[in-house]
Protein backbone atom coordinates (compact mmCIF):
# COMPACT_ATOMS: atom_id res chain seq x y z
CA MET A 1 64.96 -13.74 21.09
CA ARG A 2 63.54 -11.51 23.79
CA VAL A 3 59.89 -12.17 24.72
CA THR A 4 58.25 -9.36 26.62
CA THR A 5 55.53 -9.77 29.20
CA HIS A 6 53.20 -7.71 27.01
CA ASN A 7 53.78 -10.07 24.11
CA ALA A 8 52.95 -13.08 26.29
CA PHE A 9 49.73 -11.40 27.43
CA GLN A 10 48.67 -10.54 23.88
CA THR A 11 49.41 -14.03 22.60
CA SER A 12 47.39 -15.60 25.41
CA ILE A 13 44.45 -13.26 24.78
CA ALA A 14 44.55 -13.97 21.02
CA ASN A 15 44.51 -17.71 21.68
CA LEU A 16 41.63 -17.30 24.12
CA GLN A 17 39.63 -15.37 21.53
CA LYS A 18 40.26 -18.00 18.83
CA ARG A 19 39.20 -20.81 21.12
CA GLN A 20 36.15 -18.87 22.24
CA GLN A 21 35.19 -18.14 18.61
CA ALA A 22 35.58 -21.81 17.72
CA MET A 23 33.39 -22.80 20.67
CA VAL A 24 30.73 -20.25 19.67
CA GLU A 25 30.70 -21.61 16.10
CA SER A 26 30.38 -25.16 17.37
CA GLN A 27 27.53 -24.10 19.63
CA ALA A 28 25.78 -22.37 16.71
CA GLN A 29 26.04 -25.57 14.66
CA LEU A 30 24.56 -27.61 17.49
CA THR A 31 21.71 -25.14 17.93
CA SER A 32 20.81 -25.05 14.21
CA GLY A 33 21.59 -28.68 13.44
CA LYS A 34 23.49 -27.51 10.34
CA ARG A 35 27.15 -28.09 9.59
CA VAL A 36 27.16 -25.41 6.88
CA LEU A 37 25.68 -22.14 8.10
CA ARG A 38 27.37 -19.88 5.55
CA PRO A 39 28.85 -20.59 2.12
CA SER A 40 32.27 -19.74 3.53
CA ASP A 41 32.00 -22.68 5.96
CA ASP A 42 32.26 -25.17 3.07
CA PRO A 43 31.83 -23.69 -0.44
CA ALA A 44 31.56 -27.09 -2.17
CA ALA A 45 28.97 -28.41 0.28
CA ALA A 46 27.02 -25.14 0.16
CA ALA A 47 26.88 -25.32 -3.66
CA ALA A 48 25.73 -28.96 -3.54
CA ALA A 49 23.03 -28.07 -0.99
CA GLU A 50 21.83 -25.19 -3.17
CA ARG A 51 21.57 -27.44 -6.23
CA ALA A 52 19.67 -30.04 -4.22
CA LEU A 53 17.29 -27.36 -2.89
CA ALA A 54 16.60 -26.14 -6.44
CA ALA A 55 15.90 -29.70 -7.60
CA SER A 56 13.56 -30.30 -4.66
CA SER A 57 11.69 -27.03 -5.37
CA ARG A 58 11.26 -27.95 -9.06
CA ALA A 59 9.90 -31.36 -8.11
CA GLU A 60 7.46 -29.74 -5.67
CA VAL A 61 6.14 -27.36 -8.37
CA GLN A 62 5.72 -30.23 -10.84
CA LEU A 63 3.94 -32.33 -8.23
CA ARG A 64 1.44 -29.50 -7.63
CA ALA A 65 0.81 -29.30 -11.39
CA LEU A 66 0.28 -33.06 -11.47
CA ASP A 67 -2.19 -32.82 -8.59
CA ALA A 68 -4.26 -30.35 -10.64
CA SER A 69 -4.09 -32.66 -13.66
CA ARG A 70 -5.00 -35.71 -11.57
CA ASN A 71 -8.03 -33.89 -10.16
CA ALA A 72 -9.14 -32.82 -13.65
CA MET A 73 -8.75 -36.30 -15.15
CA THR A 74 -10.50 -37.94 -12.19
CA LEU A 75 -13.46 -35.60 -12.64
CA THR A 76 -13.38 -36.10 -16.42
CA GLU A 77 -13.42 -39.88 -16.07
CA ALA A 78 -16.33 -39.62 -13.64
CA ALA A 79 -18.23 -37.24 -15.96
CA LEU A 80 -17.83 -39.60 -18.92
CA GLY A 81 -19.04 -42.45 -16.71
CA ASP A 82 -22.14 -40.41 -15.81
CA ALA A 83 -22.68 -39.62 -19.49
CA GLY A 84 -22.55 -43.32 -20.34
CA GLU A 85 -25.25 -44.04 -17.75
CA LEU A 86 -27.45 -41.25 -19.17
CA LEU A 87 -27.05 -42.64 -22.68
CA ALA A 88 -28.04 -46.09 -21.42
CA GLN A 89 -31.25 -44.62 -19.97
CA ILE A 90 -31.94 -42.74 -23.20
CA ARG A 91 -31.39 -45.97 -25.14
CA GLU A 92 -33.92 -47.83 -23.00
CA ARG A 93 -36.57 -45.22 -23.67
CA MET A 94 -35.74 -45.14 -27.35
CA ILE A 95 -36.24 -48.90 -27.59
CA ALA A 96 -39.53 -48.59 -25.71
CA ALA A 97 -40.66 -45.88 -28.13
CA GLY A 98 -40.36 -48.36 -30.98
CA ASN A 99 -43.13 -50.51 -29.51
CA ALA A 100 -45.81 -50.69 -32.22
CA SER A 101 -48.57 -50.83 -29.61
CA TYR A 102 -47.69 -47.40 -28.21
CA SER A 103 -49.78 -44.40 -29.06
CA ASP A 104 -48.48 -41.01 -30.12
CA SER A 105 -49.11 -39.81 -26.55
CA ASP A 106 -47.03 -42.65 -25.12
CA ARG A 107 -44.16 -41.89 -27.48
CA ALA A 108 -44.40 -38.18 -26.66
CA SER A 109 -44.06 -38.97 -22.94
CA LEU A 110 -40.97 -41.08 -23.64
CA ALA A 111 -39.59 -38.28 -25.84
CA GLN A 112 -40.06 -35.76 -23.03
CA ALA A 113 -38.13 -38.06 -20.67
CA MET A 114 -35.38 -38.35 -23.29
CA GLN A 115 -35.32 -34.55 -23.58
CA ALA A 116 -34.77 -34.22 -19.84
CA LEU A 117 -31.95 -36.78 -20.01
CA ARG A 118 -30.49 -34.92 -22.97
CA ASP A 119 -30.41 -31.71 -20.88
CA ASP A 120 -28.70 -33.63 -18.08
CA LEU A 121 -26.14 -34.85 -20.62
CA LEU A 122 -25.43 -31.27 -21.69
CA ALA A 123 -24.90 -30.30 -18.04
CA VAL A 124 -22.37 -33.13 -17.73
CA ALA A 125 -20.58 -31.87 -20.84
CA ASN A 126 -20.28 -28.43 -19.23
CA ARG A 127 -18.92 -29.54 -15.84
CA ASN A 128 -15.95 -27.72 -14.33
CA ASP A 129 -13.22 -28.82 -11.96
CA GLY A 130 -14.29 -26.55 -9.10
CA ALA A 131 -11.59 -24.00 -9.93
CA GLY A 132 -13.40 -22.39 -12.86
CA ARG A 133 -11.80 -24.59 -15.54
CA PHE A 134 -14.19 -26.61 -17.73
CA LEU A 135 -13.35 -30.29 -18.10
CA PHE A 136 -14.20 -30.31 -21.80
CA GLY A 137 -13.07 -26.74 -22.52
CA GLY A 138 -10.19 -27.80 -24.78
CA GLN A 139 -7.37 -25.28 -24.76
CA GLY A 140 -9.37 -22.83 -22.69
CA SER A 141 -12.83 -21.34 -22.27
CA ASP A 142 -14.17 -18.75 -19.84
CA ARG A 143 -17.76 -19.93 -20.36
CA PRO A 144 -19.49 -23.32 -20.80
CA PRO A 145 -17.91 -24.84 -23.92
CA LEU A 146 -21.05 -26.51 -25.27
CA VAL A 147 -23.81 -24.01 -26.00
CA ASP A 148 -27.42 -24.90 -26.78
CA ALA A 149 -28.01 -22.72 -29.87
CA PRO A 150 -31.10 -22.55 -32.15
CA GLY A 151 -29.41 -24.77 -34.74
CA GLY A 152 -28.25 -27.30 -32.18
CA VAL A 153 -25.45 -27.59 -29.66
CA VAL A 154 -22.25 -25.84 -30.78
CA TYR A 155 -18.76 -25.85 -29.32
CA ALA A 156 -17.68 -22.47 -27.92
CA GLY A 157 -14.29 -23.58 -26.59
CA THR A 158 -10.98 -23.94 -28.39
CA SER A 159 -10.31 -27.39 -29.82
CA GLY A 160 -7.35 -29.27 -28.40
CA GLU A 161 -6.14 -30.01 -24.90
CA MET A 162 -4.99 -27.75 -22.09
CA ARG A 163 -1.93 -29.24 -20.43
CA ALA A 164 -0.15 -28.57 -17.16
CA ALA A 165 3.13 -26.69 -17.57
CA SER A 166 5.53 -29.17 -15.99
CA GLY A 167 8.54 -31.22 -17.02
CA GLU A 168 6.26 -34.03 -18.24
CA SER A 169 3.04 -32.32 -19.29
CA SER A 170 -0.31 -33.81 -18.37
CA PRO A 171 -3.85 -32.81 -19.43
CA LEU A 172 -5.99 -30.33 -17.52
CA ALA A 173 -8.91 -30.30 -20.00
CA ILE A 174 -9.75 -32.33 -23.08
CA ASP A 175 -11.32 -31.49 -26.43
CA GLY A 176 -15.08 -31.33 -25.89
CA ARG A 177 -15.75 -31.04 -29.61
CA ALA A 178 -14.15 -34.43 -30.27
CA VAL A 179 -15.91 -36.00 -27.27
CA TRP A 180 -19.47 -34.80 -27.83
CA LEU A 181 -19.80 -33.58 -31.40
CA GLN A 182 -17.48 -35.78 -33.47
CA ALA A 183 -18.43 -39.40 -32.89
CA PRO A 184 -17.89 -41.68 -35.92
CA ASP A 185 -21.05 -41.84 -38.05
CA PRO A 186 -22.01 -45.53 -38.46
CA ARG A 187 -24.07 -44.80 -41.57
CA ASN A 188 -21.46 -42.59 -43.29
CA PRO A 189 -17.92 -43.94 -42.84
CA GLY A 190 -15.41 -41.11 -42.55
CA SER A 191 -18.04 -38.68 -41.28
CA THR A 192 -18.83 -37.63 -37.73
CA LEU A 193 -22.03 -36.92 -35.84
CA SER A 194 -23.11 -34.90 -32.83
CA LEU A 195 -24.73 -36.77 -29.95
CA PHE A 196 -26.94 -33.80 -29.23
CA ASP A 197 -28.07 -33.45 -32.85
CA THR A 198 -29.00 -37.13 -32.82
CA LEU A 199 -31.00 -36.75 -29.61
CA ASP A 200 -32.71 -33.57 -30.80
CA ARG A 201 -33.71 -35.25 -34.07
CA VAL A 202 -35.02 -38.42 -32.40
CA VAL A 203 -36.94 -36.48 -29.75
CA GLY A 204 -38.49 -34.24 -32.39
CA GLU A 205 -39.55 -37.16 -34.57
CA LEU A 206 -40.99 -39.13 -31.66
CA MET A 207 -43.03 -36.13 -30.54
CA THR A 208 -44.52 -35.72 -34.04
CA PRO A 209 -48.00 -37.30 -34.14
CA GLY A 210 -49.43 -39.33 -37.01
CA ARG A 211 -46.19 -40.94 -38.20
CA SER A 212 -46.36 -44.39 -39.73
CA GLY A 213 -44.99 -47.54 -38.12
CA PRO A 214 -42.09 -47.90 -40.63
CA ASP A 215 -41.09 -44.25 -40.08
CA ILE A 216 -41.04 -44.73 -36.30
CA ALA A 217 -39.05 -47.95 -36.67
CA ALA A 218 -36.52 -46.15 -38.91
CA THR A 219 -36.20 -43.33 -36.34
CA VAL A 220 -35.52 -45.80 -33.55
CA ARG A 221 -33.15 -47.94 -35.64
CA ASP A 222 -31.05 -45.02 -36.85
CA GLY A 223 -31.16 -43.33 -33.45
CA LEU A 224 -29.94 -46.44 -31.67
CA ALA A 225 -27.07 -46.88 -34.13
CA GLU A 226 -25.96 -43.27 -33.62
CA ILE A 227 -26.40 -43.42 -29.83
CA ASP A 228 -24.28 -46.58 -29.72
CA ALA A 229 -21.59 -44.87 -31.83
CA GLY A 230 -21.64 -41.88 -29.49
CA ALA A 231 -21.45 -44.14 -26.42
CA ALA A 232 -18.49 -45.98 -27.93
CA ASN A 233 -16.78 -42.64 -28.55
CA LEU A 234 -17.37 -41.59 -24.93
CA SER A 235 -16.03 -44.93 -23.76
CA GLY A 236 -12.87 -44.41 -25.78
CA TRP A 237 -12.31 -40.97 -24.26
CA ARG A 238 -12.99 -42.38 -20.81
CA ALA A 239 -10.27 -44.96 -21.43
CA ARG A 240 -7.92 -42.15 -22.45
CA ALA A 241 -8.68 -40.33 -19.20
CA GLY A 242 -7.89 -43.52 -17.29
CA GLU A 243 -4.61 -43.90 -19.18
CA ALA A 244 -3.77 -40.29 -18.35
CA LEU A 245 -4.39 -41.00 -14.66
CA ASN A 246 -2.07 -44.01 -14.78
CA ARG A 247 0.60 -41.92 -16.47
CA ILE A 248 0.17 -39.13 -13.91
CA ASP A 249 0.65 -41.63 -11.09
CA GLY A 250 3.86 -42.87 -12.69
CA ILE A 251 5.21 -39.35 -13.18
CA ALA A 252 4.26 -38.40 -9.61
CA GLU A 253 6.09 -41.45 -8.27
CA ARG A 254 9.26 -40.51 -10.18
CA LEU A 255 9.05 -36.89 -9.06
CA ALA A 256 8.46 -37.88 -5.43
CA GLN A 257 11.53 -40.11 -5.56
CA GLY A 258 13.55 -37.32 -7.17
CA LYS A 259 12.42 -34.90 -4.46
CA LEU A 260 13.38 -37.41 -1.76
CA ASP A 261 16.81 -37.91 -3.36
CA ALA A 262 17.35 -34.14 -3.52
CA GLN A 263 16.40 -33.75 0.14
CA ARG A 264 18.81 -36.52 1.08
CA GLU A 265 21.62 -34.91 -0.94
CA ARG A 266 20.96 -31.58 0.74
CA SER A 267 20.98 -33.22 4.15
CA GLU A 268 24.26 -34.98 3.43
CA ALA A 269 25.80 -31.70 2.25
CA GLU A 270 24.81 -29.40 5.10
CA ASP A 271 23.33 -31.32 8.03
CA LEU A 272 25.32 -31.92 11.20
CA ASP A 273 26.49 -35.21 12.64
CA MET A 274 25.20 -34.54 16.14
CA VAL A 275 27.33 -37.17 17.89
CA ALA A 276 30.55 -35.91 16.33
CA ALA A 277 29.51 -32.28 16.87
CA ILE A 278 28.84 -32.82 20.58
CA ALA A 279 32.22 -34.50 20.99
CA ASP A 280 33.88 -31.64 19.10
CA PHE A 281 32.12 -29.04 21.24
CA GLN A 282 33.21 -30.77 24.44
CA GLN A 283 36.78 -30.91 23.17
CA ARG A 284 36.75 -27.20 22.32
CA GLN A 285 35.23 -26.39 25.68
CA SER A 286 37.99 -28.33 27.42
CA GLY A 287 40.59 -26.50 25.34
CA TYR A 288 39.05 -23.16 26.24
CA ASP A 289 39.09 -24.04 29.96
CA ALA A 290 42.74 -25.03 29.66
CA ALA A 291 43.54 -21.76 27.89
CA LEU A 292 41.84 -19.78 30.67
CA LYS A 293 43.93 -21.55 33.30
CA THR A 294 47.08 -20.95 31.29
CA TYR A 295 46.29 -17.25 30.97
CA SER A 296 45.77 -16.96 34.72
CA MET A 297 49.26 -18.40 35.20
CA VAL A 298 50.78 -16.06 32.59
CA GLN A 299 49.29 -13.09 34.38
CA ARG A 300 51.41 -13.89 37.46
CA LEU A 301 54.67 -13.71 35.48
CA SER A 302 54.79 -9.92 35.56
CA LEU A 303 57.93 -8.33 37.17
CA PHE A 304 55.68 -6.11 39.24
CA ASP A 305 54.25 -9.19 40.98
CA TYR A 306 57.74 -10.07 42.21
CA LEU A 307 58.44 -6.51 43.42
CA ARG A 308 55.44 -6.45 45.73
C-alpha cells in the first residue's frame, strides 16, 4: 500500500485535532465541575440527573407550602391560647358579679369590663396570618370571618378548612364557626352554643338593674357553665393545632430527607471526580504534546526537504 506524504500530514492533523478536542472537553469539565455537560455526554446519567432535579424541585415546593401551614398553625395555636386567657379573666369577673353584697352599679362595672374582654376575644377570632389570610376563615374569606351583627356574632366565612396544596396536605386555616360558635351546650346535650351569644346575654343581664338575687345567681351559674364549655372547646381546637404542628414537622423532615437524597443522586449522576479528572486532563495534555512533536517530525519527511 502506497502512503503519500499528503496522507501522512492529514492523518497527523486529524489526530492533533481529536486530541485537542478531548483536552478542551476535559478542561470544560474541570471548569464547570460537571462530568455531564450535555445529554449526549452520558444519556443515562443525564436522565437520572433530570429525574433527581425534578424530585428536588417538588420537595422544595412542598416544603414552602409546609412553611406557610406551620406559620398559620403556630399563629392559630397562639390565638387560641390568648382566647383561653381572656375567657379566664371573663370568668373571674363573672364569679365576682355573683357576690350578693354587690350593688347594681358594681355589677354594671364588672359587666363593662367583660364587654371589653368580649371585644378583645372577637379581635382574636378575626386574626390573620400577616399575608391576608384569616386564621379562622375556614375554606376562605376576604373579610373578617366573625361579624358583630345586630342579632349577635355571625360567621361570614366558609365552613371547613383551607389546606396547603402539597403531597401531604396541611391546614392553612381552620373552621371558625366550629371554634367560636359551636361549643357543646352543657344544658342541652346534642346542641351547640355561641361563646359570643353567651357573653352578650350575661353582660346584658348583669347590666340590668333591679334583678333579684336568685336571678343573678342563675345568670352567673348558667354563664359559667357555658363559658367553661366554650373554653373546653377552644382547648380541644388548640390541641388539634398542636397535633397539626407535630404532623407538619414530621412531613417536613421526610421531605427534607427526600430533597437531600435527590441532590445526592443528581450529584452522583453528573458531578465530576476532580482527582480523576485532573489526572485525565494531564494524560490528555501529555498525549497532545507527544502528537505535536510527532507532527513536527512528519513535516520533515517531505521529498522537497531532501532536494534542498
